[in-house]
Structure formats: C-alpha cells, structure tokens
Amino acid sequence: MVKKYLEMSAQAGISKCKQVPGSTVRQHTITSALSSRQQDGTESVNRMANGAQHMTTPAYKRVLLKLSGEALMGDDAYGINRATIERMVADVAEVSQLGVELAIVIGGGNIFRGVAPGAQGMDRATADYMGMLATVMNSLALADAMRQAGLTARVMSAIGIEQVVEPYVRPKALQYLEEGKIVVFAAGTGNPFFTTDTAAALRGSEIGAQIVLKATKVDGVYTADPKKDPSATRYSTITFDEAIAKHLQVMDATAFALCRDQKLPIKVFSIVKPGALKRVVLGEDEGTLVHV
C-alpha cells in the first residue's frame, strides 16, 4: 500500500513538472527524490514485515507441556472447571497455530492423588493406580475440549484400557506429533511411586522435546515463597545445580534428576497468566528457565 502511494506521488510530481516550460532539470531532481522516498518506504515496509515475522517465530519446534490436575479446578474445590479448561485450550491453540509440535502430560490431583489425605490407610500402589485413572479422566476432558475448539488431539495411556484410549507407543506418538496433532500422555509412567512430573521428564526425553514447560499457579521460581515473603524475587534463569544447592522445589527429585541427566531444560511459568504459554514458546522473558 505504501509502495503504491509513493508510485502515484512520483507520477503526479512528474506530470506537474511537464506542464512548466524548461523544467527538465527540476523534473529529473524531483524524480530522483521521489524514487529515493519510494525505496525508503519499501525498505521500511520490509523491515516491519521481517520484525513481525521474527516476533511470531517460535523458539522451540517440539515441547512438552506439564499441566497439574489442580490447575483444572479453577476456583472450584474439586473436579474440572469448564471455563478454566476452555481458557487453557485457547492458550494451547495459540501455540499450535505457530507450528509447534506439542505434547501434554497432565496430573490428576483435582480428582485423586495417591499421596492425598483421602488415600490414608490405603496401599500406596493401589492409591497411585487410582491417581493414574484420574489423569486418564483429565486427559479425556482436555482432548474433548480441544476437539470442540477445532484441534486434533490423541490421548495415549501408559496403562492398558484400549476401549477408552489407545496405549502409549512411542513411534505412534512421534508420528502424531509430526502430523501436527496434539498428544496427551495419560496415566503417568504407568508405574506406582512415580509422579506425573517424572512422567513429563520421561516422555519429554522419549519424544525428543527441546524443553519441558511446567505450568503452575506461580509465574516462575522465586528466592522464597512470594505469598509469604513480599521481598522474594523471581529467577529469570537458574542452573540445575544452583536449584539443588538452594533447595528450590522446581519438580520432584526424580523428575529433576532425569531432566538434568538428559540436559532437558525446564521452564516454570504461570498457566493462569493470559498469553504466558505463547510468550514462553516465542522465547520471551516469561517465567524461569532451569538449564544445565
């Protein structure tokens, strides 16, 4: 549009000069000046286009998003809050539209946790299997919300319930990701005594994710609990060794050790902050990056 306007301005200036006798020199000068303006305007448009493209170029090609089950509750005391899950799906859709291959591991704490007070007196393995089934329920709810939003999602379970969801098979998961589908990994690792944080670290390593995005209710890792200490400051980046030395709770110890051994970085950010997921994927200063 700018280019067309400058071309019209140049032609108008030349026509005007032609009406004045003996204005050949002036005509040449004005033509040169307007040509220069036209070139500058075109370069400005190109710079703006390149800048916009740079702003929407994702920093990662394949990521694993870890969602906590509690995050699905919203303001409710239990279960799945519909408005909350729809908002999460909208954030996921923004990232998917950037061309990022996205896999998700979701917890089950909004329904049942093996280490919750409700599991007291139960055999730990039995309680953990119940927790795995809770993650399957959350995964089905998330995939259904994605379907209604026009996204294609596939739920893959670490425990065999083929009438409900397909079993986790690594080559199949990789194929889905390459096809642009969103893969939701359910049932944790399929083993008791392991958390969904560990499942996120494991699946992220298996699928070759470039980063694990840990979505929490806090926008990063702080020097202290920001709710208790107003002077607490957020770390922009921190190494695995520094986090261990300072006893910062990023993930559980098993998951954290696996990510460190596999040199798989972790980004901790707030899932309740609008647009935070997209900013993380674009490589902006959002949350805390834990790296080797």
C-alpha atoms as a PDB file:
ATOM      1  CA  MET A   1       0.000   0.000   0.000  1.00  0.00           C
ATOM      2  CA  VAL A   2       2.857   2.394   0.872  1.00  0.00           C
ATOM      3  CA  LYS A   3       4.633   1.412  -2.346  1.00  0.00           C
ATOM      4  CA  LYS A   4       1.535   2.138  -4.462  1.00  0.00           C
ATOM      5  CA  TYR A   5       1.056   5.548  -2.808  1.00  0.00           C
ATOM      6  CA  LEU A   6       4.671   6.554  -3.475  1.00  0.00           C
ATOM      7  CA  GLU A   7       4.413   5.454  -7.114  1.00  0.00           C
ATOM      8  CA  MET A   8       1.297   7.647  -7.552  1.00  0.00           C
ATOM      9  CA  SER A   9       3.054  10.582  -5.859  1.00  0.00           C
ATOM     10  CA  ALA A  10       6.042  10.236  -8.180  1.00  0.00           C
ATOM     11  CA  GLN A  11       3.853  10.178 -11.313  1.00  0.00           C
ATOM     12  CA  ALA A  12       1.874  13.208 -10.105  1.00  0.00           C
ATOM     13  CA  GLY A  13       5.068  15.173  -9.462  1.00  0.00           C
ATOM     14  CA  ILE A  14       6.461  14.393 -12.909  1.00  0.00           C
ATOM     15  CA  SER A  15       3.189  15.336 -14.655  1.00  0.00           C
ATOM     16  CA  LYS A  16       3.147  18.665 -12.864  1.00  0.00           C
ATOM     17  CA  CYS A  17       6.701  19.472 -13.956  1.00  0.00           C
ATOM     18  CA  LYS A  18       5.959  18.617 -17.562  1.00  0.00           C
ATOM     19  CA  GLN A  19       3.400  21.438 -17.688  1.00  0.00           C
ATOM     20  CA  VAL A  20       6.101  24.037 -16.881  1.00  0.00           C
ATOM     21  CA  PRO A  21       8.357  25.015 -19.838  1.00  0.00           C
ATOM     22  CA  GLY A  22      12.097  24.406 -19.396  1.00  0.00           C
ATOM     23  CA  SER A  23      11.694  22.332 -16.279  1.00  0.00           C
ATOM     24  CA  THR A  24      13.713  19.284 -17.397  1.00  0.00           C
ATOM     25  CA  VAL A  25      16.336  19.675 -14.653  1.00  0.00           C
ATOM     26  CA  ARG A  26      13.705  20.170 -11.970  1.00  0.00           C
ATOM     27  CA  GLN A  27      11.825  17.166 -13.315  1.00  0.00           C
ATOM     28  CA  HIS A  28      14.957  14.995 -13.032  1.00  0.00           C
ATOM     29  CA  THR A  29      15.633  16.231  -9.471  1.00  0.00           C
ATOM     30  CA  ILE A  30      12.083  15.602  -8.278  1.00  0.00           C
ATOM     31  CA  THR A  31      12.018  12.168  -9.940  1.00  0.00           C
ATOM     32  CA  SER A  32      15.238  11.191  -8.162  1.00  0.00           C
ATOM     33  CA  ALA A  33      13.964  12.456  -4.812  1.00  0.00           C
ATOM     34  CA  LEU A  34      10.658  10.659  -5.105  1.00  0.00           C
ATOM     35  CA  SER A  35      12.371   7.455  -6.256  1.00  0.00           C
ATOM     36  CA  SER A  36      14.539   7.641  -3.149  1.00  0.00           C
ATOM     37  CA  ARG A  37      11.446   8.157  -0.970  1.00  0.00           C
ATOM     38  CA  GLN A  38       9.773   5.212  -2.659  1.00  0.00           C
ATOM     39  CA  GLN A  39      12.806   2.997  -1.993  1.00  0.00           C
ATOM     40  CA  ASP A  40      12.974   4.105   1.663  1.00  0.00           C
ATOM     41  CA  GLY A  41       9.261   3.436   2.098  1.00  0.00           C
ATOM     42  CA  THR A  42       9.578  -0.041   0.591  1.00  0.00           C
ATOM     43  CA  GLU A  43      12.541  -0.841   2.869  1.00  0.00           C
ATOM     44  CA  SER A  44      10.531   0.377   5.874  1.00  0.00           C
ATOM     45  CA  VAL A  45       7.625  -1.930   4.966  1.00  0.00           C
ATOM     46  CA  ASN A  46      10.037  -4.846   4.528  1.00  0.00           C
ATOM     47  CA  ARG A  47      11.625  -4.139   7.931  1.00  0.00           C
ATOM     48  CA  MET A  48       8.185  -4.071   9.564  1.00  0.00           C
ATOM     49  CA  ALA A  49       7.244  -7.360   7.908  1.00  0.00           C
ATOM     50  CA  ASN A  50      10.518  -9.004   8.960  1.00  0.00           C
ATOM     51  CA  GLY A  51      10.049  -7.714  12.512  1.00  0.00           C
ATOM     52  CA  ALA A  52       6.513  -9.105  12.690  1.00  0.00           C
ATOM     53  CA  GLN A  53       7.727 -12.456  11.358  1.00  0.00           C
ATOM     54  CA  HIS A  54      10.508 -12.532  13.950  1.00  0.00           C
ATOM     55  CA  MET A  55       8.016 -11.814  16.741  1.00  0.00           C
ATOM     56  CA  THR A  56       5.901 -14.825  15.740  1.00  0.00           C
ATOM     57  CA  THR A  57       8.737 -17.286  15.140  1.00  0.00           C
ATOM     58  CA  PRO A  58       8.714 -19.917  17.910  1.00  0.00           C
ATOM     59  CA  ALA A  59      11.922 -20.583  19.803  1.00  0.00           C
ATOM     60  CA  TYR A  60      11.127 -24.307  20.006  1.00  0.00           C
ATOM     61  CA  LYS A  61       9.958 -26.848  17.457  1.00  0.00           C
ATOM     62  CA  ARG A  62       8.755 -29.556  19.866  1.00  0.00           C
ATOM     63  CA  VAL A  63       7.776 -29.032  23.503  1.00  0.00           C
ATOM     64  CA  LEU A  64       6.230 -30.996  26.341  1.00  0.00           C
ATOM     65  CA  LEU A  65       3.708 -29.155  28.497  1.00  0.00           C
ATOM     66  CA  LYS A  66       3.170 -30.390  32.068  1.00  0.00           C
ATOM     67  CA  LEU A  67      -0.208 -29.374  33.499  1.00  0.00           C
ATOM     68  CA  SER A  68      -1.202 -30.005  37.088  1.00  0.00           C
ATOM     69  CA  GLY A  69      -4.600 -31.515  37.770  1.00  0.00           C
ATOM     70  CA  GLU A  70      -5.230 -28.818  40.385  1.00  0.00           C
ATOM     71  CA  ALA A  71      -4.987 -26.162  37.673  1.00  0.00           C
ATOM     72  CA  LEU A  72      -8.141 -27.597  36.049  1.00  0.00           C
ATOM     73  CA  MET A  73     -10.189 -26.872  39.182  1.00  0.00           C
ATOM     74  CA  GLY A  74     -10.077 -23.109  38.682  1.00  0.00           C
ATOM     75  CA  ASP A  75     -11.896 -21.612  41.643  1.00  0.00           C
ATOM     76  CA  ASP A  76     -13.771 -24.843  42.357  1.00  0.00           C
ATOM     77  CA  ALA A  77     -12.883 -27.122  45.257  1.00  0.00           C
ATOM     78  CA  TYR A  78     -12.935 -30.305  43.172  1.00  0.00           C
ATOM     79  CA  GLY A  79     -13.145 -31.632  39.623  1.00  0.00           C
ATOM     80  CA  ILE A  80     -12.901 -29.739  36.344  1.00  0.00           C
ATOM     81  CA  ASN A  81     -13.921 -26.107  35.875  1.00  0.00           C
ATOM     82  CA  ARG A  82     -15.255 -25.729  32.344  1.00  0.00           C
ATOM     83  CA  ALA A  83     -14.230 -22.091  31.885  1.00  0.00           C
ATOM     84  CA  THR A  84     -10.712 -22.902  33.091  1.00  0.00           C
ATOM     85  CA  ILE A  85     -10.184 -25.839  30.742  1.00  0.00           C
ATOM     86  CA  GLU A  86     -11.522 -23.812  27.787  1.00  0.00           C
ATOM     87  CA  ARG A  87      -9.081 -20.993  28.575  1.00  0.00           C
ATOM     88  CA  MET A  88      -6.199 -23.500  28.720  1.00  0.00           C
ATOM     89  CA  VAL A  89      -7.254 -24.957  25.369  1.00  0.00           C
ATOM     90  CA  ALA A  90      -7.298 -21.439  23.876  1.00  0.00           C
ATOM     91  CA  ASP A  91      -3.680 -20.973  25.052  1.00  0.00           C
ATOM     92  CA  VAL A  92      -2.728 -24.349  23.569  1.00  0.00           C
ATOM     93  CA  ALA A  93      -4.422 -23.417  20.270  1.00  0.00           C
ATOM     94  CA  GLU A  94      -2.299 -20.248  20.018  1.00  0.00           C
ATOM     95  CA  VAL A  95       0.872 -22.311  20.341  1.00  0.00           C
ATOM     96  CA  SER A  96      -0.320 -24.988  17.929  1.00  0.00           C
ATOM     97  CA  GLN A  97      -1.071 -22.325  15.298  1.00  0.00           C
ATOM     98  CA  LEU A  98       2.594 -21.277  15.426  1.00  0.00           C
ATOM     99  CA  GLY A  99       3.514 -24.708  14.058  1.00  0.00           C
ATOM    100  CA  VAL A 100       4.919 -26.012  17.346  1.00  0.00           C
ATOM    101  CA  GLU A 101       4.663 -29.777  17.956  1.00  0.00           C
ATOM    102  CA  LEU A 102       3.015 -30.074  21.369  1.00  0.00           C
ATOM    103  CA  ALA A 103       2.689 -32.983  23.787  1.00  0.00           C
ATOM    104  CA  ILE A 104       0.964 -32.727  27.171  1.00  0.00           C
ATOM    105  CA  VAL A 105       1.259 -34.613  30.451  1.00  0.00           C
ATOM    106  CA  ILE A 106      -1.491 -33.858  32.946  1.00  0.00           C
ATOM    107  CA  GLY A 107      -1.818 -34.693  36.631  1.00  0.00           C
ATOM    108  CA  GLY A 108      -4.877 -35.957  38.490  1.00  0.00           C
ATOM    109  CA  GLY A 109      -4.781 -34.016  41.751  1.00  0.00           C
ATOM    110  CA  ASN A 110      -8.150 -32.376  41.106  1.00  0.00           C
ATOM    111  CA  ILE A 111      -9.762 -35.832  41.336  1.00  0.00           C
ATOM    112  CA  PHE A 112      -7.441 -38.105  43.335  1.00  0.00           C
ATOM    113  CA  ARG A 113      -3.813 -38.269  44.386  1.00  0.00           C
ATOM    114  CA  GLY A 114      -2.018 -41.268  45.793  1.00  0.00           C
ATOM    115  CA  VAL A 115      -0.383 -39.130  48.491  1.00  0.00           C
ATOM    116  CA  ALA A 116      -3.519 -37.108  49.344  1.00  0.00           C
ATOM    117  CA  PRO A 117      -5.187 -37.317  52.782  1.00  0.00           C
ATOM    118  CA  GLY A 118      -8.048 -39.289  51.187  1.00  0.00           C
ATOM    119  CA  ALA A 119      -5.594 -42.082  50.414  1.00  0.00           C
ATOM    120  CA  GLN A 120      -4.506 -42.537  54.027  1.00  0.00           C
ATOM    121  CA  GLY A 121      -4.695 -46.138  55.140  1.00  0.00           C
ATOM    122  CA  MET A 122      -4.655 -47.412  51.552  1.00  0.00           C
ATOM    123  CA  ASP A 123      -1.900 -49.444  49.989  1.00  0.00           C
ATOM    124  CA  ARG A 124       0.366 -46.910  48.240  1.00  0.00           C
ATOM    125  CA  ALA A 125       0.473 -48.792  44.945  1.00  0.00           C
ATOM    126  CA  THR A 126      -3.336 -49.053  44.844  1.00  0.00           C
ATOM    127  CA  ALA A 127      -3.684 -45.349  45.615  1.00  0.00           C
ATOM    128  CA  ASP A 128      -1.210 -44.488  42.848  1.00  0.00           C
ATOM    129  CA  TYR A 129      -3.141 -46.579  40.318  1.00  0.00           C
ATOM    130  CA  MET A 130      -6.282 -44.666  41.278  1.00  0.00           C
ATOM    131  CA  GLY A 131      -4.344 -41.457  40.675  1.00  0.00           C
ATOM    132  CA  MET A 132      -3.364 -42.734  37.215  1.00  0.00           C
ATOM    133  CA  LEU A 133      -7.029 -43.300  36.380  1.00  0.00           C
ATOM    134  CA  ALA A 134      -7.723 -39.722  37.481  1.00  0.00           C
ATOM    135  CA  THR A 135      -5.160 -38.476  34.927  1.00  0.00           C
ATOM    136  CA  VAL A 136      -6.947 -40.506  32.229  1.00  0.00           C
ATOM    137  CA  MET A 137     -10.205 -38.722  33.096  1.00  0.00           C
ATOM    138  CA  ASN A 138      -8.491 -35.333  32.895  1.00  0.00           C
ATOM    139  CA  SER A 139      -6.842 -36.266  29.595  1.00  0.00           C
ATOM    140  CA  LEU A 140     -10.181 -37.255  28.061  1.00  0.00           C
ATOM    141  CA  ALA A 141     -11.752 -33.987  29.232  1.00  0.00           C
ATOM    142  CA  LEU A 142      -8.849 -31.970  27.812  1.00  0.00           C
ATOM    143  CA  ALA A 143      -8.902 -33.802  24.470  1.00  0.00           C
ATOM    144  CA  ASP A 144     -12.664 -33.313  24.174  1.00  0.00           C
ATOM    145  CA  ALA A 145     -12.324 -29.572  24.866  1.00  0.00           C
ATOM    146  CA  MET A 146      -9.628 -29.411  22.166  1.00  0.00           C
ATOM    147  CA  ARG A 147     -11.879 -31.229  19.701  1.00  0.00           C
ATOM    148  CA  GLN A 148     -14.648 -28.691  20.308  1.00  0.00           C
ATOM    149  CA  ALA A 149     -12.105 -25.909  19.706  1.00  0.00           C
ATOM    150  CA  GLY A 150     -11.152 -27.398  16.332  1.00  0.00           C
ATOM    151  CA  LEU A 151      -7.882 -29.013  17.438  1.00  0.00           C
ATOM    152  CA  THR A 152      -6.924 -32.628  16.793  1.00  0.00           C
ATOM    153  CA  ALA A 153      -5.735 -34.413  19.923  1.00  0.00           C
ATOM    154  CA  ARG A 154      -4.782 -38.004  20.663  1.00  0.00           C
ATOM    155  CA  VAL A 155      -4.800 -39.469  24.172  1.00  0.00           C
ATOM    156  CA  MET A 156      -2.243 -42.221  24.833  1.00  0.00           C
ATOM    157  CA  SER A 157      -2.314 -44.131  28.118  1.00  0.00           C
ATOM    158  CA  ALA A 158       0.599 -45.793  29.921  1.00  0.00           C
ATOM    159  CA  ILE A 159      -1.818 -48.419  31.276  1.00  0.00           C
ATOM    160  CA  GLY A 160      -3.905 -50.638  29.025  1.00  0.00           C
ATOM    161  CA  ILE A 161      -7.538 -49.504  28.702  1.00  0.00           C
ATOM    162  CA  GLU A 162      -7.907 -49.802  24.946  1.00  0.00           C
ATOM    163  CA  GLN A 163     -11.705 -49.486  24.961  1.00  0.00           C
ATOM    164  CA  VAL A 164     -11.233 -45.929  26.242  1.00  0.00           C
ATOM    165  CA  VAL A 165      -7.885 -44.658  24.924  1.00  0.00           C
ATOM    166  CA  GLU A 166      -5.084 -46.115  22.859  1.00  0.00           C
ATOM    167  CA  PRO A 167      -1.934 -47.403  24.571  1.00  0.00           C
ATOM    168  CA  TYR A 168       1.262 -45.374  24.584  1.00  0.00           C
ATOM    169  CA  VAL A 169       3.526 -46.448  21.736  1.00  0.00           C
ATOM    170  CA  ARG A 170       6.500 -44.178  21.123  1.00  0.00           C
ATOM    171  CA  PRO A 171       6.694 -44.411  17.285  1.00  0.00           C
ATOM    172  CA  LYS A 172       2.959 -43.733  17.050  1.00  0.00           C
ATOM    173  CA  ALA A 173       3.289 -40.720  19.349  1.00  0.00           C
ATOM    174  CA  LEU A 174       6.107 -39.334  17.212  1.00  0.00           C
ATOM    175  CA  GLN A 175       4.004 -39.844  14.082  1.00  0.00           C
ATOM    176  CA  TYR A 176       1.093 -37.919  15.607  1.00  0.00           C
ATOM    177  CA  LEU A 177       3.385 -35.032  16.548  1.00  0.00           C
ATOM    178  CA  GLU A 178       4.873 -34.877  13.040  1.00  0.00           C
ATOM    179  CA  GLU A 179       1.329 -34.787  11.635  1.00  0.00           C
ATOM    180  CA  GLY A 180       0.587 -31.715  13.734  1.00  0.00           C
ATOM    181  CA  LYS A 181      -1.674 -33.473  16.236  1.00  0.00           C
ATOM    182  CA  ILE A 182      -1.515 -32.699  19.963  1.00  0.00           C
ATOM    183  CA  VAL A 183      -0.616 -35.769  22.016  1.00  0.00           C
ATOM    184  CA  VAL A 184      -1.892 -36.079  25.594  1.00  0.00           C
ATOM    185  CA  PHE A 185       0.012 -38.633  27.665  1.00  0.00           C
ATOM    186  CA  ALA A 186      -2.235 -40.145  30.347  1.00  0.00           C
ATOM    187  CA  ALA A 187      -1.659 -42.432  33.368  1.00  0.00           C
ATOM    188  CA  GLY A 188       1.756 -41.035  34.237  1.00  0.00           C
ATOM    189  CA  THR A 189       4.568 -43.535  33.710  1.00  0.00           C
ATOM    190  CA  GLY A 190       2.208 -46.467  34.272  1.00  0.00           C
ATOM    191  CA  ASN A 191       4.045 -47.375  37.464  1.00  0.00           C
ATOM    192  CA  PRO A 192       3.225 -46.599  41.101  1.00  0.00           C
ATOM    193  CA  PHE A 193       5.601 -44.488  43.216  1.00  0.00           C
ATOM    194  CA  PHE A 194       6.342 -42.176  40.254  1.00  0.00           C
ATOM    195  CA  THR A 195       4.737 -38.751  39.876  1.00  0.00           C
ATOM    196  CA  THR A 196       3.375 -37.114  36.743  1.00  0.00           C
ATOM    197  CA  ASP A 197       6.379 -34.747  36.955  1.00  0.00           C
ATOM    198  CA  THR A 198       8.562 -37.799  36.368  1.00  0.00           C
ATOM    199  CA  ALA A 199       6.241 -38.840  33.528  1.00  0.00           C
ATOM    200  CA  ALA A 200       6.745 -35.397  31.955  1.00  0.00           C
ATOM    201  CA  ALA A 201      10.537 -35.715  32.180  1.00  0.00           C
ATOM    202  CA  LEU A 202      10.395 -39.271  30.809  1.00  0.00           C
ATOM    203  CA  ARG A 203       8.033 -38.577  27.903  1.00  0.00           C
ATOM    204  CA  GLY A 204       9.851 -35.349  27.083  1.00  0.00           C
ATOM    205  CA  SER A 205      13.111 -37.264  26.792  1.00  0.00           C
ATOM    206  CA  GLU A 206      11.478 -40.047  24.742  1.00  0.00           C
ATOM    207  CA  ILE A 207       9.894 -37.789  22.131  1.00  0.00           C
ATOM    208  CA  GLY A 208      12.954 -35.548  21.805  1.00  0.00           C
ATOM    209  CA  ALA A 209      11.276 -32.419  23.199  1.00  0.00           C
ATOM    210  CA  GLN A 210      13.533 -29.365  23.333  1.00  0.00           C
ATOM    211  CA  ILE A 211      12.086 -28.216  26.653  1.00  0.00           C
ATOM    212  CA  VAL A 212       9.640 -29.187  29.399  1.00  0.00           C
ATOM    213  CA  LEU A 213       7.150 -26.404  30.162  1.00  0.00           C
ATOM    214  CA  LYS A 214       5.932 -26.775  33.740  1.00  0.00           C
ATOM    215  CA  ALA A 215       2.691 -24.831  34.151  1.00  0.00           C
ATOM    216  CA  THR A 216       1.997 -23.760  37.726  1.00  0.00           C
ATOM    217  CA  LYS A 217      -0.002 -21.121  39.585  1.00  0.00           C
ATOM    218  CA  VAL A 218       3.183 -19.067  40.171  1.00  0.00           C
ATOM    219  CA  ASP A 219       4.977 -17.226  37.354  1.00  0.00           C
ATOM    220  CA  GLY A 220       8.388 -18.807  37.915  1.00  0.00           C
ATOM    221  CA  VAL A 221      10.862 -19.880  40.583  1.00  0.00           C
ATOM    222  CA  TYR A 222      11.404 -17.371  43.400  1.00  0.00           C
ATOM    223  CA  THR A 223      14.082 -16.882  46.045  1.00  0.00           C
ATOM    224  CA  ALA A 224      11.336 -17.555  48.613  1.00  0.00           C
ATOM    225  CA  ASP A 225       7.596 -18.127  48.720  1.00  0.00           C
ATOM    226  CA  PRO A 226       6.199 -14.877  47.208  1.00  0.00           C
ATOM    227  CA  LYS A 227       2.948 -15.315  49.167  1.00  0.00           C
ATOM    228  CA  LYS A 228       4.842 -15.337  52.463  1.00  0.00           C
ATOM    229  CA  ASP A 229       7.792 -13.080  51.610  1.00  0.00           C
ATOM    230  CA  PRO A 230       6.960  -9.843  49.688  1.00  0.00           C
ATOM    231  CA  SER A 231      10.669  -9.251  49.032  1.00  0.00           C
ATOM    232  CA  ALA A 232      11.038 -12.539  47.126  1.00  0.00           C
ATOM    233  CA  THR A 233      12.382 -12.083  43.607  1.00  0.00           C
ATOM    234  CA  ARG A 234      11.910 -14.245  40.519  1.00  0.00           C
ATOM    235  CA  TYR A 235      14.830 -16.002  38.888  1.00  0.00           C
ATOM    236  CA  SER A 236      14.950 -15.375  35.148  1.00  0.00           C
ATOM    237  CA  THR A 237      17.339 -18.310  34.664  1.00  0.00           C
ATOM    238  CA  ILE A 238      18.979 -20.743  37.066  1.00  0.00           C
ATOM    239  CA  THR A 239      21.081 -23.878  36.642  1.00  0.00           C
ATOM    240  CA  PHE A 240      20.061 -27.322  37.889  1.00  0.00           C
ATOM    241  CA  ASP A 241      22.956 -27.338  40.361  1.00  0.00           C
ATOM    242  CA  GLU A 242      22.028 -23.906  41.745  1.00  0.00           C
ATOM    243  CA  ALA A 243      18.408 -25.005  42.222  1.00  0.00           C
ATOM    244  CA  ILE A 244      19.564 -28.113  44.118  1.00  0.00           C
ATOM    245  CA  ALA A 245      22.023 -26.147  46.262  1.00  0.00           C
ATOM    246  CA  LYS A 246      19.359 -23.587  47.174  1.00  0.00           C
ATOM    247  CA  HIS A 247      16.723 -26.290  47.829  1.00  0.00           C
ATOM    248  CA  LEU A 248      14.300 -24.790  45.306  1.00  0.00           C
ATOM    249  CA  GLN A 249      11.301 -27.007  44.612  1.00  0.00           C
ATOM    250  CA  VAL A 250      11.006 -26.986  40.824  1.00  0.00           C
ATOM    251  CA  MET A 251       9.931 -30.618  40.346  1.00  0.00           C
ATOM    252  CA  ASP A 252      10.176 -33.731  42.438  1.00  0.00           C
ATOM    253  CA  ALA A 253      13.724 -35.084  42.847  1.00  0.00           C
ATOM    254  CA  THR A 254      13.364 -37.986  40.388  1.00  0.00           C
ATOM    255  CA  ALA A 255      11.970 -35.820  37.588  1.00  0.00           C
ATOM    256  CA  PHE A 256      14.514 -33.096  38.252  1.00  0.00           C
ATOM    257  CA  ALA A 257      17.431 -35.551  38.143  1.00  0.00           C
ATOM    258  CA  LEU A 258      16.181 -37.080  34.892  1.00  0.00           C
ATOM    259  CA  CYS A 259      15.924 -33.681  33.195  1.00  0.00           C
ATOM    260  CA  ARG A 260      19.402 -32.743  34.413  1.00  0.00           C
ATOM    261  CA  ASP A 261      20.938 -36.030  33.206  1.00  0.00           C
ATOM    262  CA  GLN A 262      19.261 -35.698  29.798  1.00  0.00           C
ATOM    263  CA  LYS A 263      20.185 -31.982  29.590  1.00  0.00           C
ATOM    264  CA  LEU A 264      16.495 -31.245  29.104  1.00  0.00           C
ATOM    265  CA  PRO A 265      15.736 -27.647  30.206  1.00  0.00           C
ATOM    266  CA  ILE A 266      12.650 -26.809  32.265  1.00  0.00           C
ATOM    267  CA  LYS A 267      10.621 -23.629  32.005  1.00  0.00           C
ATOM    268  CA  VAL A 268       8.416 -22.826  35.004  1.00  0.00           C
ATOM    269  CA  PHE A 269       5.620 -20.347  34.266  1.00  0.00           C
ATOM    270  CA  SER A 270       2.085 -19.418  35.314  1.00  0.00           C
ATOM    271  CA  ILE A 271      -0.765 -21.105  33.465  1.00  0.00           C
ATOM    272  CA  VAL A 272      -3.251 -18.629  34.965  1.00  0.00           C
ATOM    273  CA  LYS A 273      -1.482 -15.660  33.365  1.00  0.00           C
ATOM    274  CA  PRO A 274      -3.139 -14.854  29.991  1.00  0.00           C
ATOM    275  CA  GLY A 275      -0.843 -15.410  26.987  1.00  0.00           C
ATOM    276  CA  ALA A 276       2.043 -16.714  29.124  1.00  0.00           C
ATOM    277  CA  LEU A 277       2.309 -20.032  27.272  1.00  0.00           C
ATOM    278  CA  LYS A 278       2.657 -18.315  23.892  1.00  0.00           C
ATOM    279  CA  ARG A 279       5.297 -15.898  25.227  1.00  0.00           C
ATOM    280  CA  VAL A 280       7.286 -18.825  26.623  1.00  0.00           C
ATOM    281  CA  VAL A 281       7.210 -20.645  23.274  1.00  0.00           C
ATOM    282  CA  LEU A 282       8.284 -17.445  21.473  1.00  0.00           C
ATOM    283  CA  GLY A 283      11.336 -17.294  23.750  1.00  0.00           C
ATOM    284  CA  GLU A 284      10.313 -14.138  25.617  1.00  0.00           C
ATOM    285  CA  ASP A 285      11.270 -13.377  29.229  1.00  0.00           C
ATOM    286  CA  GLU A 286       8.436 -15.233  30.914  1.00  0.00           C
ATOM    287  CA  GLY A 287       8.809 -17.493  33.945  1.00  0.00           C
ATOM    288  CA  THR A 288      12.070 -19.159  34.999  1.00  0.00           C
ATOM    289  CA  LEU A 289      14.381 -21.226  32.785  1.00  0.00           C
ATOM    290  CA  VAL A 290      16.192 -24.082  34.555  1.00  0.00           C
ATOM    291  CA  HIS A 291      19.129 -25.271  32.479  1.00  0.00           C
ATOM    292  CA  VAL A 292      22.377 -27.249  32.697  1.00  0.00           C
END
